[in-house]
């Protein structure tokens, strides 16, 4: 039986060498994403924003958020990397870049988690050079206690303590992204 099937009946799972405990259900995530989508619907009424998902972690959040938007919008993706194992390296690498012109466009960055803020700082600097009309950040998770640089997350879904989490797009060394719930590492 695969990990995704086992987890539906368990509040604890094991990935690689670590144990994780369920802390946020898929239902709680869906409800919170709808609330953020409503704020975006209101704030961008009459506009046509470009959603810019940061791969790999944001794919589930980006999909569910977009399903709840009732405005004209487009989506594109970039791939950045700053994690190794359970820690942010502080060094942001661009693996797959933006191909669309964003000059004069309203852009909403869709991120899975804002941890140190380095990835978002790097991305905001890169996007600013492309002269968008505006840039806002929607992040599924924000860890305020870990921020090393100031980042304005206009649309946070959950604010969480400094814990390593997996599920709903977030992984531990490649595994766990497919889990519909979110799990905290058990120390």
C-alpha atoms as a PDB file:
ATOM      1  CA  UNK A   1       0.000   0.000   0.000  1.00  0.00           C
ATOM      2  CA  UNK A   2       1.430   3.404  -0.908  1.00  0.00           C
ATOM      3  CA  UNK A   3       2.158   6.150   1.622  1.00  0.00           C
ATOM      4  CA  UNK A   4      -0.741   8.318   0.387  1.00  0.00           C
ATOM      5  CA  UNK A   5      -3.270   5.558   1.072  1.00  0.00           C
ATOM      6  CA  UNK A   6      -1.869   4.715   4.505  1.00  0.00           C
ATOM      7  CA  UNK A   7      -1.896   8.302   5.701  1.00  0.00           C
ATOM      8  CA  UNK A   8      -5.686   8.656   5.325  1.00  0.00           C
ATOM      9  CA  UNK A   9      -6.143   6.373   8.319  1.00  0.00           C
ATOM     10  CA  UNK A  10      -3.184   7.587  10.352  1.00  0.00           C
ATOM     11  CA  UNK A  11      -2.317  10.745  12.190  1.00  0.00           C
ATOM     12  CA  UNK A  12       1.400   9.818  12.047  1.00  0.00           C
ATOM     13  CA  UNK A  13       3.516   8.907   9.054  1.00  0.00           C
ATOM     14  CA  UNK A  14       7.168   8.149   8.411  1.00  0.00           C
ATOM     15  CA  UNK A  15       9.106   9.620   5.496  1.00  0.00           C
ATOM     16  CA  UNK A  16      12.732   8.604   5.086  1.00  0.00           C
ATOM     17  CA  UNK A  17      14.192   8.790   8.607  1.00  0.00           C
ATOM     18  CA  UNK A  18      11.629  11.120  10.210  1.00  0.00           C
ATOM     19  CA  UNK A  19       8.210  10.773  11.831  1.00  0.00           C
ATOM     20  CA  UNK A  20       5.506  13.347  11.115  1.00  0.00           C
ATOM     21  CA  UNK A  21       2.183  14.044  12.819  1.00  0.00           C
ATOM     22  CA  UNK A  22      -0.909  15.468  11.106  1.00  0.00           C
ATOM     23  CA  UNK A  23      -1.558  19.057  12.190  1.00  0.00           C
ATOM     24  CA  UNK A  24      -3.721  20.584   9.436  1.00  0.00           C
ATOM     25  CA  UNK A  25      -6.358  18.612   7.558  1.00  0.00           C
ATOM     26  CA  UNK A  26      -7.084  18.961   3.873  1.00  0.00           C
ATOM     27  CA  UNK A  27     -10.526  20.302   4.787  1.00  0.00           C
ATOM     28  CA  UNK A  28      -8.997  23.063   6.928  1.00  0.00           C
ATOM     29  CA  UNK A  29      -6.646  23.964   4.081  1.00  0.00           C
ATOM     30  CA  UNK A  30      -9.499  24.103   1.549  1.00  0.00           C
ATOM     31  CA  UNK A  31     -11.544  26.410   3.771  1.00  0.00           C
ATOM     32  CA  UNK A  32      -8.599  28.749   4.422  1.00  0.00           C
ATOM     33  CA  UNK A  33      -7.653  28.874   0.718  1.00  0.00           C
ATOM     34  CA  UNK A  34     -11.242  29.909  -0.112  1.00  0.00           C
ATOM     35  CA  UNK A  35     -10.993  32.815   2.349  1.00  0.00           C
ATOM     36  CA  UNK A  36      -7.782  34.055   0.707  1.00  0.00           C
ATOM     37  CA  UNK A  37      -9.300  33.598  -2.768  1.00  0.00           C
ATOM     38  CA  UNK A  38     -12.235  35.799  -1.745  1.00  0.00           C
ATOM     39  CA  UNK A  39      -9.813  38.556  -0.676  1.00  0.00           C
ATOM     40  CA  UNK A  40      -8.033  38.308  -4.028  1.00  0.00           C
ATOM     41  CA  UNK A  41     -11.358  38.327  -5.907  1.00  0.00           C
ATOM     42  CA  UNK A  42     -12.259  41.558  -4.123  1.00  0.00           C
ATOM     43  CA  UNK A  43      -8.831  43.218  -4.426  1.00  0.00           C
ATOM     44  CA  UNK A  44      -8.402  42.398  -8.120  1.00  0.00           C
ATOM     45  CA  UNK A  45     -11.990  42.896  -9.321  1.00  0.00           C
ATOM     46  CA  UNK A  46     -11.875  44.287 -12.854  1.00  0.00           C
ATOM     47  CA  UNK A  47      -8.192  43.377 -13.233  1.00  0.00           C
ATOM     48  CA  UNK A  48      -6.495  40.452 -14.938  1.00  0.00           C
ATOM     49  CA  UNK A  49      -3.617  39.324 -12.702  1.00  0.00           C
ATOM     50  CA  UNK A  50      -0.907  36.870 -13.600  1.00  0.00           C
ATOM     51  CA  UNK A  51      -0.506  34.198 -10.934  1.00  0.00           C
ATOM     52  CA  UNK A  52       3.126  33.179 -10.730  1.00  0.00           C
ATOM     53  CA  UNK A  53       3.530  29.849  -8.967  1.00  0.00           C
ATOM     54  CA  UNK A  54       6.861  28.921  -7.423  1.00  0.00           C
ATOM     55  CA  UNK A  55       7.571  25.257  -8.138  1.00  0.00           C
ATOM     56  CA  UNK A  56       7.646  22.629  -6.880  1.00  0.00           C
ATOM     57  CA  UNK A  57       5.932  23.257  -3.566  1.00  0.00           C
ATOM     58  CA  UNK A  58       3.166  25.642  -4.605  1.00  0.00           C
ATOM     59  CA  UNK A  59       1.519  23.482  -7.263  1.00  0.00           C
ATOM     60  CA  UNK A  60      -1.346  22.209  -5.085  1.00  0.00           C
ATOM     61  CA  UNK A  61      -1.961  25.609  -3.485  1.00  0.00           C
ATOM     62  CA  UNK A  62      -1.817  27.363  -6.878  1.00  0.00           C
ATOM     63  CA  UNK A  63      -4.317  24.906  -8.329  1.00  0.00           C
ATOM     64  CA  UNK A  64      -6.800  25.175  -5.453  1.00  0.00           C
ATOM     65  CA  UNK A  65      -6.452  28.951  -5.240  1.00  0.00           C
ATOM     66  CA  UNK A  66      -7.052  29.375  -8.965  1.00  0.00           C
ATOM     67  CA  UNK A  67     -10.172  27.154  -8.810  1.00  0.00           C
ATOM     68  CA  UNK A  68     -11.632  29.612  -6.284  1.00  0.00           C
ATOM     69  CA  UNK A  69     -10.900  32.791  -8.242  1.00  0.00           C
ATOM     70  CA  UNK A  70     -13.833  34.305 -10.112  1.00  0.00           C
ATOM     71  CA  UNK A  71     -11.852  36.813 -12.117  1.00  0.00           C
ATOM     72  CA  UNK A  72      -9.943  36.645 -15.360  1.00  0.00           C
ATOM     73  CA  UNK A  73      -6.427  35.511 -14.584  1.00  0.00           C
ATOM     74  CA  UNK A  74      -3.522  33.658 -16.093  1.00  0.00           C
ATOM     75  CA  UNK A  75      -0.951  31.389 -14.496  1.00  0.00           C
ATOM     76  CA  UNK A  76       2.714  30.722 -15.095  1.00  0.00           C
ATOM     77  CA  UNK A  77       5.419  29.017 -13.068  1.00  0.00           C
ATOM     78  CA  UNK A  78       9.036  29.537 -12.066  1.00  0.00           C
ATOM     79  CA  UNK A  79      11.240  27.077 -10.267  1.00  0.00           C
ATOM     80  CA  UNK A  80      13.509  28.313  -7.518  1.00  0.00           C
ATOM     81  CA  UNK A  81      15.406  26.264  -4.981  1.00  0.00           C
ATOM     82  CA  UNK A  82      16.818  27.113  -1.561  1.00  0.00           C
ATOM     83  CA  UNK A  83      16.164  23.973   0.524  1.00  0.00           C
ATOM     84  CA  UNK A  84      18.396  21.012   1.245  1.00  0.00           C
ATOM     85  CA  UNK A  85      16.847  18.346   3.458  1.00  0.00           C
ATOM     86  CA  UNK A  86      14.894  20.108   6.226  1.00  0.00           C
ATOM     87  CA  UNK A  87      16.757  23.442   6.136  1.00  0.00           C
ATOM     88  CA  UNK A  88      16.868  26.498   3.928  1.00  0.00           C
ATOM     89  CA  UNK A  89      20.373  27.027   2.576  1.00  0.00           C
ATOM     90  CA  UNK A  90      19.888  30.786   2.252  1.00  0.00           C
ATOM     91  CA  UNK A  91      21.120  30.549  -1.340  1.00  0.00           C
ATOM     92  CA  UNK A  92      18.393  30.889  -3.980  1.00  0.00           C
ATOM     93  CA  UNK A  93      18.927  29.185  -7.330  1.00  0.00           C
ATOM     94  CA  UNK A  94      16.699  29.839 -10.354  1.00  0.00           C
ATOM     95  CA  UNK A  95      16.072  26.539 -12.073  1.00  0.00           C
ATOM     96  CA  UNK A  96      13.253  27.517 -14.449  1.00  0.00           C
ATOM     97  CA  UNK A  97      12.662  31.166 -15.255  1.00  0.00           C
ATOM     98  CA  UNK A  98       9.764  33.399 -16.221  1.00  0.00           C
ATOM     99  CA  UNK A  99       9.066  33.485 -19.955  1.00  0.00           C
ATOM    100  CA  UNK A 100       6.083  35.899 -20.054  1.00  0.00           C
ATOM    101  CA  UNK A 101       6.385  39.665 -20.177  1.00  0.00           C
ATOM    102  CA  UNK A 102       5.045  41.162 -16.952  1.00  0.00           C
ATOM    103  CA  UNK A 103       5.584  44.827 -17.837  1.00  0.00           C
ATOM    104  CA  UNK A 104       2.513  46.732 -16.641  1.00  0.00           C
ATOM    105  CA  UNK A 105       0.859  43.569 -15.270  1.00  0.00           C
ATOM    106  CA  UNK A 106      -0.459  42.845 -11.794  1.00  0.00           C
ATOM    107  CA  UNK A 107       1.431  39.793 -10.527  1.00  0.00           C
ATOM    108  CA  UNK A 108       0.528  37.569  -7.592  1.00  0.00           C
ATOM    109  CA  UNK A 109       3.347  35.277  -6.530  1.00  0.00           C
ATOM    110  CA  UNK A 110       1.981  31.938  -5.295  1.00  0.00           C
ATOM    111  CA  UNK A 111       4.413  30.428  -2.780  1.00  0.00           C
ATOM    112  CA  UNK A 112       4.159  27.335  -0.604  1.00  0.00           C
ATOM    113  CA  UNK A 113       6.084  28.663   2.385  1.00  0.00           C
ATOM    114  CA  UNK A 114       7.897  31.860   3.327  1.00  0.00           C
ATOM    115  CA  UNK A 115      10.617  30.832   5.729  1.00  0.00           C
ATOM    116  CA  UNK A 116      13.731  33.028   5.792  1.00  0.00           C
ATOM    117  CA  UNK A 117      12.349  35.379   3.132  1.00  0.00           C
ATOM    118  CA  UNK A 118      15.455  35.083   0.939  1.00  0.00           C
ATOM    119  CA  UNK A 119      13.605  33.362  -1.921  1.00  0.00           C
ATOM    120  CA  UNK A 120      10.902  36.037  -1.981  1.00  0.00           C
ATOM    121  CA  UNK A 121      13.431  38.871  -1.676  1.00  0.00           C
ATOM    122  CA  UNK A 122      15.349  37.462  -4.628  1.00  0.00           C
ATOM    123  CA  UNK A 123      12.187  36.965  -6.650  1.00  0.00           C
ATOM    124  CA  UNK A 124      10.839  40.444  -5.901  1.00  0.00           C
ATOM    125  CA  UNK A 125      14.130  42.007  -7.047  1.00  0.00           C
ATOM    126  CA  UNK A 126      14.051  39.959 -10.258  1.00  0.00           C
ATOM    127  CA  UNK A 127      10.416  40.828 -10.976  1.00  0.00           C
ATOM    128  CA  UNK A 128      10.863  44.520 -10.146  1.00  0.00           C
ATOM    129  CA  UNK A 129      13.412  44.814 -12.966  1.00  0.00           C
ATOM    130  CA  UNK A 130      10.688  43.622 -15.378  1.00  0.00           C
ATOM    131  CA  UNK A 131       8.444  46.616 -14.465  1.00  0.00           C
ATOM    132  CA  UNK A 132       5.169  45.021 -13.338  1.00  0.00           C
ATOM    133  CA  UNK A 133       2.265  47.285 -12.342  1.00  0.00           C
ATOM    134  CA  UNK A 134       2.166  45.571  -8.949  1.00  0.00           C
ATOM    135  CA  UNK A 135       3.444  42.473  -7.176  1.00  0.00           C
ATOM    136  CA  UNK A 136       1.756  40.777  -4.214  1.00  0.00           C
ATOM    137  CA  UNK A 137       2.610  37.537  -2.434  1.00  0.00           C
ATOM    138  CA  UNK A 138       0.150  34.780  -1.524  1.00  0.00           C
ATOM    139  CA  UNK A 139       1.773  32.097   0.623  1.00  0.00           C
ATOM    140  CA  UNK A 140       0.200  28.981   2.021  1.00  0.00           C
ATOM    141  CA  UNK A 141       2.479  29.150   5.064  1.00  0.00           C
ATOM    142  CA  UNK A 142       4.512  31.912   6.701  1.00  0.00           C
ATOM    143  CA  UNK A 143       7.020  31.392   9.520  1.00  0.00           C
ATOM    144  CA  UNK A 144       7.446  34.872  11.055  1.00  0.00           C
ATOM    145  CA  UNK A 145      10.026  33.711  13.601  1.00  0.00           C
ATOM    146  CA  UNK A 146      12.349  32.511  10.797  1.00  0.00           C
ATOM    147  CA  UNK A 147      12.291  35.654   8.633  1.00  0.00           C
ATOM    148  CA  UNK A 148      15.774  37.029   8.036  1.00  0.00           C
ATOM    149  CA  UNK A 149      14.640  39.783   5.643  1.00  0.00           C
ATOM    150  CA  UNK A 150      11.397  41.783   5.677  1.00  0.00           C
ATOM    151  CA  UNK A 151       8.803  40.339   3.293  1.00  0.00           C
ATOM    152  CA  UNK A 152       5.247  41.618   2.930  1.00  0.00           C
ATOM    153  CA  UNK A 153       3.021  38.582   2.422  1.00  0.00           C
ATOM    154  CA  UNK A 154      -0.280  40.223   1.515  1.00  0.00           C
ATOM    155  CA  UNK A 155      -2.210  36.948   1.380  1.00  0.00           C
ATOM    156  CA  UNK A 156      -0.988  34.503   4.036  1.00  0.00           C
ATOM    157  CA  UNK A 157      -3.138  31.401   4.459  1.00  0.00           C
ATOM    158  CA  UNK A 158      -1.521  30.050   7.653  1.00  0.00           C
ATOM    159  CA  UNK A 159       1.048  31.530  10.038  1.00  0.00           C
ATOM    160  CA  UNK A 160       2.975  28.710  11.656  1.00  0.00           C
ATOM    161  CA  UNK A 161       5.772  28.256  14.202  1.00  0.00           C
ATOM    162  CA  UNK A 162       9.275  27.226  13.202  1.00  0.00           C
ATOM    163  CA  UNK A 163       8.541  23.565  12.479  1.00  0.00           C
ATOM    164  CA  UNK A 164       9.424  21.478   9.438  1.00  0.00           C
ATOM    165  CA  UNK A 165       6.258  20.390   7.614  1.00  0.00           C
ATOM    166  CA  UNK A 166       5.321  18.129   4.711  1.00  0.00           C
ATOM    167  CA  UNK A 167       2.203  17.517   2.657  1.00  0.00           C
ATOM    168  CA  UNK A 168      -0.041  19.506   0.342  1.00  0.00           C
ATOM    169  CA  UNK A 169       2.854  20.177  -2.026  1.00  0.00           C
ATOM    170  CA  UNK A 170       5.658  20.420   0.540  1.00  0.00           C
ATOM    171  CA  UNK A 171       8.217  17.639   0.653  1.00  0.00           C
ATOM    172  CA  UNK A 172      10.996  16.088   2.649  1.00  0.00           C
ATOM    173  CA  UNK A 173      13.751  15.150   0.208  1.00  0.00           C
ATOM    174  CA  UNK A 174      11.261  14.603  -2.603  1.00  0.00           C
ATOM    175  CA  UNK A 175       8.547  12.687  -0.746  1.00  0.00           C
ATOM    176  CA  UNK A 176       5.265  13.765   0.845  1.00  0.00           C
ATOM    177  CA  UNK A 177       4.069  16.334  -1.716  1.00  0.00           C
ATOM    178  CA  UNK A 178       1.052  14.177  -2.609  1.00  0.00           C
ATOM    179  CA  UNK A 179      -0.388  14.148   0.920  1.00  0.00           C
ATOM    180  CA  UNK A 180      -3.683  16.085   1.158  1.00  0.00           C
ATOM    181  CA  UNK A 181      -3.019  17.036   4.800  1.00  0.00           C
ATOM    182  CA  UNK A 182      -0.061  18.791   6.432  1.00  0.00           C
ATOM    183  CA  UNK A 183       2.219  17.058   8.912  1.00  0.00           C
ATOM    184  CA  UNK A 184       4.748  18.496  11.402  1.00  0.00           C
ATOM    185  CA  UNK A 185       8.005  16.694  12.066  1.00  0.00           C
ATOM    186  CA  UNK A 186       8.029  14.886  15.410  1.00  0.00           C
ATOM    187  CA  UNK A 187      11.201  15.768  17.329  1.00  0.00           C
END
